[in-house]
mmCIF file of all heavy atoms, coordinates in Angstrom:
data_MODEL
# 
_entry.id   MODEL 
# 
loop_
_atom_site.group_PDB 
_atom_site.id 
_atom_site.type_symbol 
_atom_site.label_atom_id 
_atom_site.label_alt_id 
_atom_site.label_comp_id 
_atom_site.label_asym_id 
_atom_site.label_entity_id 
_atom_site.label_seq_id 
_atom_site.pdbx_PDB_ins_code 
_atom_site.Cartn_x 
_atom_site.Cartn_y 
_atom_site.Cartn_z 
_atom_site.occupancy 
_atom_site.B_iso_or_equiv 
_atom_site.pdbx_formal_charge 
_atom_site.auth_seq_id 
_atom_site.auth_comp_id 
_atom_site.auth_asym_id 
_atom_site.auth_atom_id 
_atom_site.pdbx_PDB_model_num 
ATOM 1   N N   . THR A 1 1  ? 40.034 149.753 88.104  1.00 0.00 ? 1  THR A N   1 
ATOM 2   C CA  . THR A 1 1  ? 40.001 148.301 88.258  1.00 0.00 ? 1  THR A CA  1 
ATOM 3   C C   . THR A 1 1  ? 38.683 147.783 87.695  1.00 0.00 ? 1  THR A C   1 
ATOM 4   O O   . THR A 1 1  ? 37.730 148.545 87.510  1.00 0.00 ? 1  THR A O   1 
ATOM 5   C CB  . THR A 1 1  ? 40.084 147.871 89.739  1.00 0.00 ? 1  THR A CB  1 
ATOM 6   O OG1 . THR A 1 1  ? 38.855 148.217 90.400  1.00 0.00 ? 1  THR A OG1 1 
ATOM 7   C CG2 . THR A 1 1  ? 41.246 148.548 90.458  1.00 0.00 ? 1  THR A CG2 1 
ATOM 8   N N   . ASN A 1 2  ? 38.647 146.494 87.423  1.00 0.00 ? 2  ASN A N   1 
ATOM 9   C CA  . ASN A 1 2  ? 37.354 145.894 87.115  1.00 0.00 ? 2  ASN A CA  1 
ATOM 10  C C   . ASN A 1 2  ? 36.724 145.386 88.417  1.00 0.00 ? 2  ASN A C   1 
ATOM 11  O O   . ASN A 1 2  ? 37.336 145.452 89.499  1.00 0.00 ? 2  ASN A O   1 
ATOM 12  C CB  . ASN A 1 2  ? 37.475 144.789 86.065  1.00 0.00 ? 2  ASN A CB  1 
ATOM 13  C CG  . ASN A 1 2  ? 38.313 143.610 86.540  1.00 0.00 ? 2  ASN A CG  1 
ATOM 14  O OD1 . ASN A 1 2  ? 38.842 143.592 87.650  1.00 0.00 ? 2  ASN A OD1 1 
ATOM 15  N ND2 . ASN A 1 2  ? 38.433 142.600 85.690  1.00 0.00 ? 2  ASN A ND2 1 
ATOM 16  N N   . GLU A 1 3  ? 35.502 144.907 88.326  1.00 0.00 ? 3  GLU A N   1 
ATOM 17  C CA  . GLU A 1 3  ? 34.795 144.466 89.532  1.00 0.00 ? 3  GLU A CA  1 
ATOM 18  C C   . GLU A 1 3  ? 35.469 143.260 90.166  1.00 0.00 ? 3  GLU A C   1 
ATOM 19  O O   . GLU A 1 3  ? 35.498 143.122 91.390  1.00 0.00 ? 3  GLU A O   1 
ATOM 20  C CB  . GLU A 1 3  ? 33.336 144.158 89.194  1.00 0.00 ? 3  GLU A CB  1 
ATOM 21  C CG  . GLU A 1 3  ? 32.522 145.374 88.790  1.00 0.00 ? 3  GLU A CG  1 
ATOM 22  C CD  . GLU A 1 3  ? 31.055 145.033 88.566  1.00 0.00 ? 3  GLU A CD  1 
ATOM 23  O OE1 . GLU A 1 3  ? 30.648 143.911 88.950  1.00 0.00 ? 3  GLU A OE1 1 
ATOM 24  O OE2 . GLU A 1 3  ? 30.333 145.872 88.024  1.00 0.00 ? 3  GLU A OE2 1 
ATOM 25  N N   . ALA A 1 4  ? 36.032 142.388 89.353  1.00 0.00 ? 4  ALA A N   1 
ATOM 26  C CA  . ALA A 1 4  ? 36.706 141.203 89.893  1.00 0.00 ? 4  ALA A CA  1 
ATOM 27  C C   . ALA A 1 4  ? 37.896 141.599 90.759  1.00 0.00 ? 4  ALA A C   1 
ATOM 28  O O   . ALA A 1 4  ? 38.142 140.991 91.804  1.00 0.00 ? 4  ALA A O   1 
ATOM 29  C CB  . ALA A 1 4  ? 37.152 140.289 88.760  1.00 0.00 ? 4  ALA A CB  1 
ATOM 30  N N   . ALA A 1 5  ? 38.645 142.616 90.341  1.00 0.00 ? 5  ALA A N   1 
ATOM 31  C CA  . ALA A 1 5  ? 39.784 143.073 91.132  1.00 0.00 ? 5  ALA A CA  1 
ATOM 32  C C   . ALA A 1 5  ? 39.313 143.640 92.459  1.00 0.00 ? 5  ALA A C   1 
ATOM 33  O O   . ALA A 1 5  ? 39.938 143.404 93.507  1.00 0.00 ? 5  ALA A O   1 
ATOM 34  C CB  . ALA A 1 5  ? 40.581 144.111 90.350  1.00 0.00 ? 5  ALA A CB  1 
ATOM 35  N N   . GLN A 1 6  ? 38.239 144.383 92.446  1.00 0.00 ? 6  GLN A N   1 
ATOM 36  C CA  . GLN A 1 6  ? 37.711 144.933 93.691  1.00 0.00 ? 6  GLN A CA  1 
ATOM 37  C C   . GLN A 1 6  ? 37.291 143.810 94.643  1.00 0.00 ? 6  GLN A C   1 
ATOM 38  O O   . GLN A 1 6  ? 37.581 143.862 95.843  1.00 0.00 ? 6  GLN A O   1 
ATOM 39  C CB  . GLN A 1 6  ? 36.532 145.855 93.388  1.00 0.00 ? 6  GLN A CB  1 
ATOM 40  C CG  . GLN A 1 6  ? 36.916 147.099 92.593  1.00 0.00 ? 6  GLN A CG  1 
ATOM 41  C CD  . GLN A 1 6  ? 35.721 147.985 92.306  1.00 0.00 ? 6  GLN A CD  1 
ATOM 42  O OE1 . GLN A 1 6  ? 34.741 148.005 93.049  1.00 0.00 ? 6  GLN A OE1 1 
ATOM 43  N NE2 . GLN A 1 6  ? 35.777 148.711 91.204  1.00 0.00 ? 6  GLN A NE2 1 
ATOM 44  N N   . ARG A 1 7  ? 36.638 142.797 94.102  1.00 0.00 ? 7  ARG A N   1 
ATOM 45  C CA  . ARG A 1 7  ? 36.218 141.674 94.951  1.00 0.00 ? 7  ARG A CA  1 
ATOM 46  C C   . ARG A 1 7  ? 37.432 140.896 95.459  1.00 0.00 ? 7  ARG A C   1 
ATOM 47  O O   . ARG A 1 7  ? 37.468 140.471 96.618  1.00 0.00 ? 7  ARG A O   1 
ATOM 48  C CB  . ARG A 1 7  ? 35.290 140.743 94.177  1.00 0.00 ? 7  ARG A CB  1 
ATOM 49  C CG  . ARG A 1 7  ? 33.950 141.355 93.813  1.00 0.00 ? 7  ARG A CG  1 
ATOM 50  C CD  . ARG A 1 7  ? 33.020 140.307 93.215  1.00 0.00 ? 7  ARG A CD  1 
ATOM 51  N NE  . ARG A 1 7  ? 31.765 140.904 92.790  1.00 0.00 ? 7  ARG A NE  1 
ATOM 52  C CZ  . ARG A 1 7  ? 31.533 141.384 91.585  1.00 0.00 ? 7  ARG A CZ  1 
ATOM 53  N NH1 . ARG A 1 7  ? 32.473 141.312 90.658  1.00 0.00 ? 7  ARG A NH1 1 
ATOM 54  N NH2 . ARG A 1 7  ? 30.375 141.932 91.278  1.00 0.00 ? 7  ARG A NH2 1 
ATOM 55  N N   . PHE A 1 8  ? 38.420 140.726 94.590  1.00 0.00 ? 8  PHE A N   1 
ATOM 56  C CA  . PHE A 1 8  ? 39.607 139.961 94.957  1.00 0.00 ? 8  PHE A CA  1 
ATOM 57  C C   . PHE A 1 8  ? 40.384 140.657 96.069  1.00 0.00 ? 8  PHE A C   1 
ATOM 58  O O   . PHE A 1 8  ? 40.750 140.038 97.073  1.00 0.00 ? 8  PHE A O   1 
ATOM 59  C CB  . PHE A 1 8  ? 40.487 139.756 93.725  1.00 0.00 ? 8  PHE A CB  1 
ATOM 60  C CG  . PHE A 1 8  ? 41.723 138.952 93.988  1.00 0.00 ? 8  PHE A CG  1 
ATOM 61  C CD1 . PHE A 1 8  ? 41.642 137.642 94.425  1.00 0.00 ? 8  PHE A CD1 1 
ATOM 62  C CD2 . PHE A 1 8  ? 42.985 139.508 93.802  1.00 0.00 ? 8  PHE A CD2 1 
ATOM 63  C CE1 . PHE A 1 8  ? 42.787 136.889 94.670  1.00 0.00 ? 8  PHE A CE1 1 
ATOM 64  C CE2 . PHE A 1 8  ? 44.122 138.768 94.039  1.00 0.00 ? 8  PHE A CE2 1 
ATOM 65  C CZ  . PHE A 1 8  ? 44.027 137.459 94.475  1.00 0.00 ? 8  PHE A CZ  1 
ATOM 66  N N   . PHE A 1 9  ? 40.649 141.951 95.899  1.00 0.00 ? 9  PHE A N   1 
ATOM 67  C CA  . PHE A 1 9  ? 41.363 142.690 96.938  1.00 0.00 ? 9  PHE A CA  1 
ATOM 68  C C   . PHE A 1 9  ? 40.538 142.757 98.217  1.00 0.00 ? 9  PHE A C   1 
ATOM 69  O O   . PHE A 1 9  ? 41.083 142.702 99.326  1.00 0.00 ? 9  PHE A O   1 
ATOM 70  C CB  . PHE A 1 9  ? 41.701 144.102 96.451  1.00 0.00 ? 9  PHE A CB  1 
ATOM 71  C CG  . PHE A 1 9  ? 42.719 144.136 95.351  1.00 0.00 ? 9  PHE A CG  1 
ATOM 72  C CD1 . PHE A 1 9  ? 42.541 144.961 94.243  1.00 0.00 ? 9  PHE A CD1 1 
ATOM 73  C CD2 . PHE A 1 9  ? 43.848 143.339 95.397  1.00 0.00 ? 9  PHE A CD2 1 
ATOM 74  C CE1 . PHE A 1 9  ? 43.482 144.989 93.223  1.00 0.00 ? 9  PHE A CE1 1 
ATOM 75  C CE2 . PHE A 1 9  ? 44.798 143.363 94.378  1.00 0.00 ? 9  PHE A CE2 1 
ATOM 76  C CZ  . PHE A 1 9  ? 44.607 144.188 93.298  1.00 0.00 ? 9  PHE A CZ  1 
ATOM 77  N N   . GLY A 1 10 ? 39.228 142.869 98.062  1.00 0.00 ? 10 GLY A N   1 
ATOM 78  C CA  . GLY A 1 10 ? 38.376 142.878 99.236  1.00 0.00 ? 10 GLY A CA  1 
ATOM 79  C C   . GLY A 1 10 ? 38.417 141.556 99.978  1.00 0.00 ? 10 GLY A C   1 
ATOM 80  O O   . GLY A 1 10 ? 38.402 141.521 101.208 1.00 0.00 ? 10 GLY A O   1 
ATOM 81  N N   . LEU A 1 11 ? 38.491 140.455 99.225  1.00 0.00 ? 11 LEU A N   1 
ATOM 82  C CA  . LEU A 1 11 ? 38.568 139.136 99.839  1.00 0.00 ? 11 LEU A CA  1 
ATOM 83  C C   . LEU A 1 11 ? 39.846 138.988 100.655 1.00 0.00 ? 11 LEU A C   1 
ATOM 84  O O   . LEU A 1 11 ? 39.833 138.452 101.763 1.00 0.00 ? 11 LEU A O   1 
ATOM 85  C CB  . LEU A 1 11 ? 38.518 138.060 98.750  1.00 0.00 ? 11 LEU A CB  1 
ATOM 86  C CG  . LEU A 1 11 ? 38.669 136.604 99.204  1.00 0.00 ? 11 LEU A CG  1 
ATOM 87  C CD1 . LEU A 1 11 ? 37.462 136.172 100.029 1.00 0.00 ? 11 LEU A CD1 1 
ATOM 88  C CD2 . LEU A 1 11 ? 38.825 135.685 97.987  1.00 0.00 ? 11 LEU A CD2 1 
ATOM 89  N N   . LEU A 1 12 ? 40.951 139.499 100.134 1.00 0.00 ? 12 LEU A N   1 
ATOM 90  C CA  . LEU A 1 12 ? 42.234 139.355 100.816 1.00 0.00 ? 12 LEU A CA  1 
ATOM 91  C C   . LEU A 1 12 ? 42.430 140.386 101.924 1.00 0.00 ? 12 LEU A C   1 
ATOM 92  O O   . LEU A 1 12 ? 42.919 140.060 103.011 1.00 0.00 ? 12 LEU A O   1 
ATOM 93  C CB  . LEU A 1 12 ? 43.386 139.471 99.810  1.00 0.00 ? 12 LEU A CB  1 
ATOM 94  C CG  . LEU A 1 12 ? 43.449 138.403 98.715  1.00 0.00 ? 12 LEU A CG  1 
ATOM 95  C CD1 . LEU A 1 12 ? 44.623 138.692 97.776  1.00 0.00 ? 12 LEU A CD1 1 
ATOM 96  C CD2 . LEU A 1 12 ? 43.596 137.007 99.312  1.00 0.00 ? 12 LEU A CD2 1 
ATOM 97  N N   . LEU A 1 13 ? 42.049 141.619 101.640 1.00 0.00 ? 13 LEU A N   1 
ATOM 98  C CA  . LEU A 1 13 ? 42.362 142.720 102.553 1.00 0.00 ? 13 LEU A CA  1 
ATOM 99  C C   . LEU A 1 13 ? 41.209 143.104 103.466 1.00 0.00 ? 13 LEU A C   1 
ATOM 100 O O   . LEU A 1 13 ? 41.391 143.903 104.378 1.00 0.00 ? 13 LEU A O   1 
ATOM 101 C CB  . LEU A 1 13 ? 42.801 143.946 101.743 1.00 0.00 ? 13 LEU A CB  1 
ATOM 102 C CG  . LEU A 1 13 ? 44.017 143.733 100.828 1.00 0.00 ? 13 LEU A CG  1 
ATOM 103 C CD1 . LEU A 1 13 ? 44.285 144.997 100.016 1.00 0.00 ? 13 LEU A CD1 1 
ATOM 104 C CD2 . LEU A 1 13 ? 45.232 143.339 101.638 1.00 0.00 ? 13 LEU A CD2 1 
ATOM 105 N N   . GLY A 1 14 ? 40.036 142.561 103.197 1.00 0.00 ? 14 GLY A N   1 
ATOM 106 C CA  . GLY A 1 14 ? 38.907 142.854 104.072 1.00 0.00 ? 14 GLY A CA  1 
ATOM 107 C C   . GLY A 1 14 ? 38.050 143.997 103.600 1.00 0.00 ? 14 GLY A C   1 
ATOM 108 O O   . GLY A 1 14 ? 36.972 144.233 104.133 1.00 0.00 ? 14 GLY A O   1 
ATOM 109 N N   . GLU A 1 15 ? 38.530 144.755 102.616 1.00 0.00 ? 15 GLU A N   1 
ATOM 110 C CA  . GLU A 1 15 ? 37.729 145.836 102.056 1.00 0.00 ? 15 GLU A CA  1 
ATOM 111 C C   . GLU A 1 15 ? 38.160 146.056 100.614 1.00 0.00 ? 15 GLU A C   1 
ATOM 112 O O   . GLU A 1 15 ? 39.324 145.839 100.262 1.00 0.00 ? 15 GLU A O   1 
ATOM 113 C CB  . GLU A 1 15 ? 37.911 147.131 102.847 1.00 0.00 ? 15 GLU A CB  1 
ATOM 114 C CG  . GLU A 1 15 ? 39.344 147.621 102.902 1.00 0.00 ? 15 GLU A CG  1 
ATOM 115 C CD  . GLU A 1 15 ? 39.485 148.876 103.747 1.00 0.00 ? 15 GLU A CD  1 
ATOM 116 O OE1 . GLU A 1 15 ? 38.604 149.145 104.578 1.00 0.00 ? 15 GLU A OE1 1 
ATOM 117 O OE2 . GLU A 1 15 ? 40.480 149.586 103.562 1.00 0.00 ? 15 GLU A OE2 1 
ATOM 118 N N   . PRO A 1 16 ? 37.230 146.490 99.762  1.00 0.00 ? 16 PRO A N   1 
ATOM 119 C CA  . PRO A 1 16 ? 37.586 146.706 98.354  1.00 0.00 ? 16 PRO A CA  1 
ATOM 120 C C   . PRO A 1 16 ? 38.646 147.781 98.216  1.00 0.00 ? 16 PRO A C   1 
ATOM 121 O O   . PRO A 1 16 ? 38.711 148.723 98.993  1.00 0.00 ? 16 PRO A O   1 
ATOM 122 C CB  . PRO A 1 16 ? 36.257 147.138 97.711  1.00 0.00 ? 16 PRO A CB  1 
ATOM 123 C CG  . PRO A 1 16 ? 35.201 146.674 98.665  1.00 0.00 ? 16 PRO A CG  1 
ATOM 124 C CD  . PRO A 1 16 ? 35.804 146.735 100.034 1.00 0.00 ? 16 PRO A CD  1 
ATOM 125 N N   . THR A 1 17 ? 39.504 147.615 97.207  1.00 0.00 ? 17 THR A N   1 
ATOM 126 C CA  . THR A 1 17 ? 40.527 148.615 96.912  1.00 0.00 ? 17 THR A CA  1 
ATOM 127 C C   . THR A 1 17 ? 39.993 149.530 95.826  1.00 0.00 ? 17 THR A C   1 
ATOM 128 O O   . THR A 1 17 ? 39.706 149.092 94.721  1.00 0.00 ? 17 THR A O   1 
ATOM 129 C CB  . THR A 1 17 ? 41.827 147.938 96.438  1.00 0.00 ? 17 THR A CB  1 
ATOM 130 O OG1 . THR A 1 17 ? 42.323 147.113 97.498  1.00 0.00 ? 17 THR A OG1 1 
ATOM 131 C CG2 . THR A 1 17 ? 42.881 148.982 96.078  1.00 0.00 ? 17 THR A CG2 1 
ATOM 132 N N   . SER A 1 18 ? 39.865 150.810 96.158  1.00 0.00 ? 18 SER A N   1 
ATOM 133 C CA  . SER A 1 18 ? 39.334 151.759 95.189  1.00 0.00 ? 18 SER A CA  1 
ATOM 134 C C   . SER A 1 18 ? 40.458 152.358 94.368  1.00 0.00 ? 18 SER A C   1 
ATOM 135 O O   . SER A 1 18 ? 41.582 152.520 94.839  1.00 0.00 ? 18 SER A O   1 
ATOM 136 C CB  . SER A 1 18 ? 38.569 152.875 95.913  1.00 0.00 ? 18 SER A CB  1 
ATOM 137 O OG  . SER A 1 18 ? 39.419 153.553 96.822  1.00 0.00 ? 18 SER A OG  1 
ATOM 138 N N   . ALA A 1 19 ? 40.152 152.683 93.104  1.00 0.00 ? 19 ALA A N   1 
ATOM 139 C CA  . ALA A 1 19 ? 41.145 153.292 92.229  1.00 0.00 ? 19 ALA A CA  1 
ATOM 140 C C   . ALA A 1 19 ? 41.586 154.622 92.804  1.00 0.00 ? 19 ALA A C   1 
ATOM 141 O O   . ALA A 1 19 ? 40.788 155.376 93.354  1.00 0.00 ? 19 ALA A O   1 
ATOM 142 C CB  . ALA A 1 19 ? 40.560 153.478 90.826  1.00 0.00 ? 19 ALA A CB  1 
ATOM 143 N N   . GLY A 1 20 ? 42.843 154.935 92.672  1.00 0.00 ? 20 GLY A N   1 
ATOM 144 C CA  . GLY A 1 20 ? 43.366 156.194 93.160  1.00 0.00 ? 20 GLY A CA  1 
ATOM 145 C C   . GLY A 1 20 ? 43.837 156.147 94.598  1.00 0.00 ? 20 GLY A C   1 
ATOM 146 O O   . GLY A 1 20 ? 44.440 157.092 95.086  1.00 0.00 ? 20 GLY A O   1 
ATOM 147 N N   . SER A 1 21 ? 43.584 155.049 95.319  1.00 0.00 ? 21 SER A N   1 
ATOM 148 C CA  . SER A 1 21 ? 43.970 154.966 96.725  1.00 0.00 ? 21 SER A CA  1 
ATOM 149 C C   . SER A 1 21 ? 44.996 153.890 96.975  1.00 0.00 ? 21 SER A C   1 
ATOM 150 O O   . SER A 1 21 ? 45.402 153.691 98.115  1.00 0.00 ? 21 SER A O   1 
ATOM 151 C CB  . SER A 1 21 ? 42.727 154.695 97.591  1.00 0.00 ? 21 SER A CB  1 
ATOM 152 O OG  . SER A 1 21 ? 42.216 153.399 97.316  1.00 0.00 ? 21 SER A OG  1 
ATOM 153 N N   . ALA A 1 22 ? 45.432 153.183 95.938  1.00 0.00 ? 22 ALA A N   1 
ATOM 154 C CA  . ALA A 1 22 ? 46.331 152.041 96.143  1.00 0.00 ? 22 ALA A CA  1 
ATOM 155 C C   . ALA A 1 22 ? 47.478 152.096 95.159  1.00 0.00 ? 22 ALA A C   1 
ATOM 156 O O   . ALA A 1 22 ? 47.364 152.620 94.054  1.00 0.00 ? 22 ALA A O   1 
ATOM 157 C CB  . ALA A 1 22 ? 45.558 150.732 95.994  1.00 0.00 ? 22 ALA A CB  1 
ATOM 158 N N   . ASN A 1 23 ? 48.594 151.547 95.600  1.00 0.00 ? 23 ASN A N   1 
ATOM 159 C CA  . ASN A 1 23 ? 49.783 151.442 94.774  1.00 0.00 ? 23 ASN A CA  1 
ATOM 160 C C   . ASN A 1 23 ? 50.219 149.988 94.772  1.00 0.00 ? 23 ASN A C   1 
ATOM 161 O O   . ASN A 1 23 ? 50.362 149.373 95.832  1.00 0.00 ? 23 ASN A O   1 
ATOM 162 C CB  . ASN A 1 23 ? 50.889 152.348 95.332  1.00 0.00 ? 23 ASN A CB  1 
ATOM 163 C CG  . ASN A 1 23 ? 52.172 152.271 94.548  1.00 0.00 ? 23 ASN A CG  1 
ATOM 164 O OD1 . ASN A 1 23 ? 52.975 151.357 94.727  1.00 0.00 ? 23 ASN A OD1 1 
ATOM 165 N ND2 . ASN A 1 23 ? 52.382 153.238 93.679  1.00 0.00 ? 23 ASN A ND2 1 
ATOM 166 N N   . VAL A 1 24 ? 50.422 149.413 93.600  1.00 0.00 ? 24 VAL A N   1 
ATOM 167 C CA  . VAL A 1 24 ? 50.689 147.984 93.482  1.00 0.00 ? 24 VAL A CA  1 
ATOM 168 C C   . VAL A 1 24 ? 51.963 147.588 94.225  1.00 0.00 ? 24 VAL A C   1 
ATOM 169 O O   . VAL A 1 24 ? 52.007 146.574 94.920  1.00 0.00 ? 24 VAL A O   1 
ATOM 170 C CB  . VAL A 1 24 ? 50.781 147.581 92.000  1.00 0.00 ? 24 VAL A CB  1 
ATOM 171 C CG1 . VAL A 1 24 ? 51.290 146.157 91.861  1.00 0.00 ? 24 VAL A CG1 1 
ATOM 172 C CG2 . VAL A 1 24 ? 49.427 147.725 91.325  1.00 0.00 ? 24 VAL A CG2 1 
ATOM 173 N N   . VAL A 1 25 ? 53.014 148.385 94.101  1.00 0.00 ? 25 VAL A N   1 
ATOM 174 C CA  . VAL A 1 25 ? 54.274 148.049 94.746  1.00 0.00 ? 25 VAL A CA  1 
ATOM 175 C C   . VAL A 1 25 ? 54.129 148.091 96.263  1.00 0.00 ? 25 VAL A C   1 
ATOM 176 O O   . VAL A 1 25 ? 54.581 147.186 96.978  1.00 0.00 ? 25 VAL A O   1 
ATOM 177 C CB  . VAL A 1 25 ? 55.395 148.988 94.278  1.00 0.00 ? 25 VAL A CB  1 
ATOM 178 C CG1 . VAL A 1 25 ? 56.690 148.691 95.012  1.00 0.00 ? 25 VAL A CG1 1 
ATOM 179 C CG2 . VAL A 1 25 ? 55.597 148.860 92.776  1.00 0.00 ? 25 VAL A CG2 1 
ATOM 180 N N   . ARG A 1 26 ? 53.501 149.127 96.778  1.00 0.00 ? 26 ARG A N   1 
ATOM 181 C CA  . ARG A 1 26 ? 53.297 149.222 98.226  1.00 0.00 ? 26 ARG A CA  1 
ATOM 182 C C   . ARG A 1 26 ? 52.436 148.060 98.729  1.00 0.00 ? 26 ARG A C   1 
ATOM 183 O O   . ARG A 1 26 ? 52.706 147.487 99.781  1.00 0.00 ? 26 ARG A O   1 
ATOM 184 C CB  . ARG A 1 26 ? 52.644 150.550 98.589  1.00 0.00 ? 26 ARG A CB  1 
ATOM 185 C CG  . ARG A 1 26 ? 53.545 151.769 98.408  1.00 0.00 ? 26 ARG A CG  1 
ATOM 186 C CD  . ARG A 1 26 ? 52.923 153.003 99.042  1.00 0.00 ? 26 ARG A CD  1 
ATOM 187 N NE  . ARG A 1 26 ? 53.764 154.173 98.840  1.00 0.00 ? 26 ARG A NE  1 
ATOM 188 C CZ  . ARG A 1 26 ? 53.585 155.064 97.876  1.00 0.00 ? 26 ARG A CZ  1 
ATOM 189 N NH1 . ARG A 1 26 ? 52.581 154.913 97.020  1.00 0.00 ? 26 ARG A NH1 1 
ATOM 190 N NH2 . ARG A 1 26 ? 54.381 156.105 97.754  1.00 0.00 ? 26 ARG A NH2 1 
ATOM 191 N N   . MET A 1 27 ? 51.392 147.737 98.002  1.00 0.00 ? 27 MET A N   1 
ATOM 192 C CA  . MET A 1 27 ? 50.523 146.643 98.413  1.00 0.00 ? 27 MET A CA  1 
ATOM 193 C C   . MET A 1 27 ? 51.283 145.320 98.481  1.00 0.00 ? 27 MET A C   1 
ATOM 194 O O   . MET A 1 27 ? 51.053 144.502 99.371  1.00 0.00 ? 27 MET A O   1 
ATOM 195 C CB  . MET A 1 27 ? 49.331 146.521 97.458  1.00 0.00 ? 27 MET A CB  1 
ATOM 196 C CG  . MET A 1 27 ? 48.341 147.664 97.541  1.00 0.00 ? 27 MET A CG  1 
ATOM 197 S SD  . MET A 1 27 ? 47.095 147.594 96.228  1.00 0.00 ? 27 MET A SD  1 
ATOM 198 C CE  . MET A 1 27 ? 46.226 146.098 96.675  1.00 0.00 ? 27 MET A CE  1 
ATOM 199 N N   . MET A 1 28 ? 52.206 145.114 97.527  1.00 0.00 ? 28 MET A N   1 
ATOM 200 C CA  . MET A 1 28 ? 52.930 143.856 97.478  1.00 0.00 ? 28 MET A CA  1 
ATOM 201 C C   . MET A 1 28 ? 54.005 143.756 98.560  1.00 0.00 ? 28 MET A C   1 
ATOM 202 O O   . MET A 1 28 ? 54.311 142.669 99.048  1.00 0.00 ? 28 MET A O   1 
ATOM 203 C CB  . MET A 1 28 ? 53.557 143.668 96.097  1.00 0.00 ? 28 MET A CB  1 
ATOM 204 C CG  . MET A 1 28 ? 54.191 142.308 95.880  1.00 0.00 ? 28 MET A CG  1 
ATOM 205 S SD  . MET A 1 28 ? 53.015 140.930 96.062  1.00 0.00 ? 28 MET A SD  1 
ATOM 206 C CE  . MET A 1 28 ? 51.948 141.216 94.639  1.00 0.00 ? 28 MET A CE  1 
# 
C-alpha cells in the first residue's frame, strides 16, 4: 500500500492496515 492507504484504513478501522494481513473482499 502507499502511505495514504495506511492512513485511510487507519482512520476508518482505528489502526493501519499492513500489507499481507488484509484482504479487500473480506474487508468490504
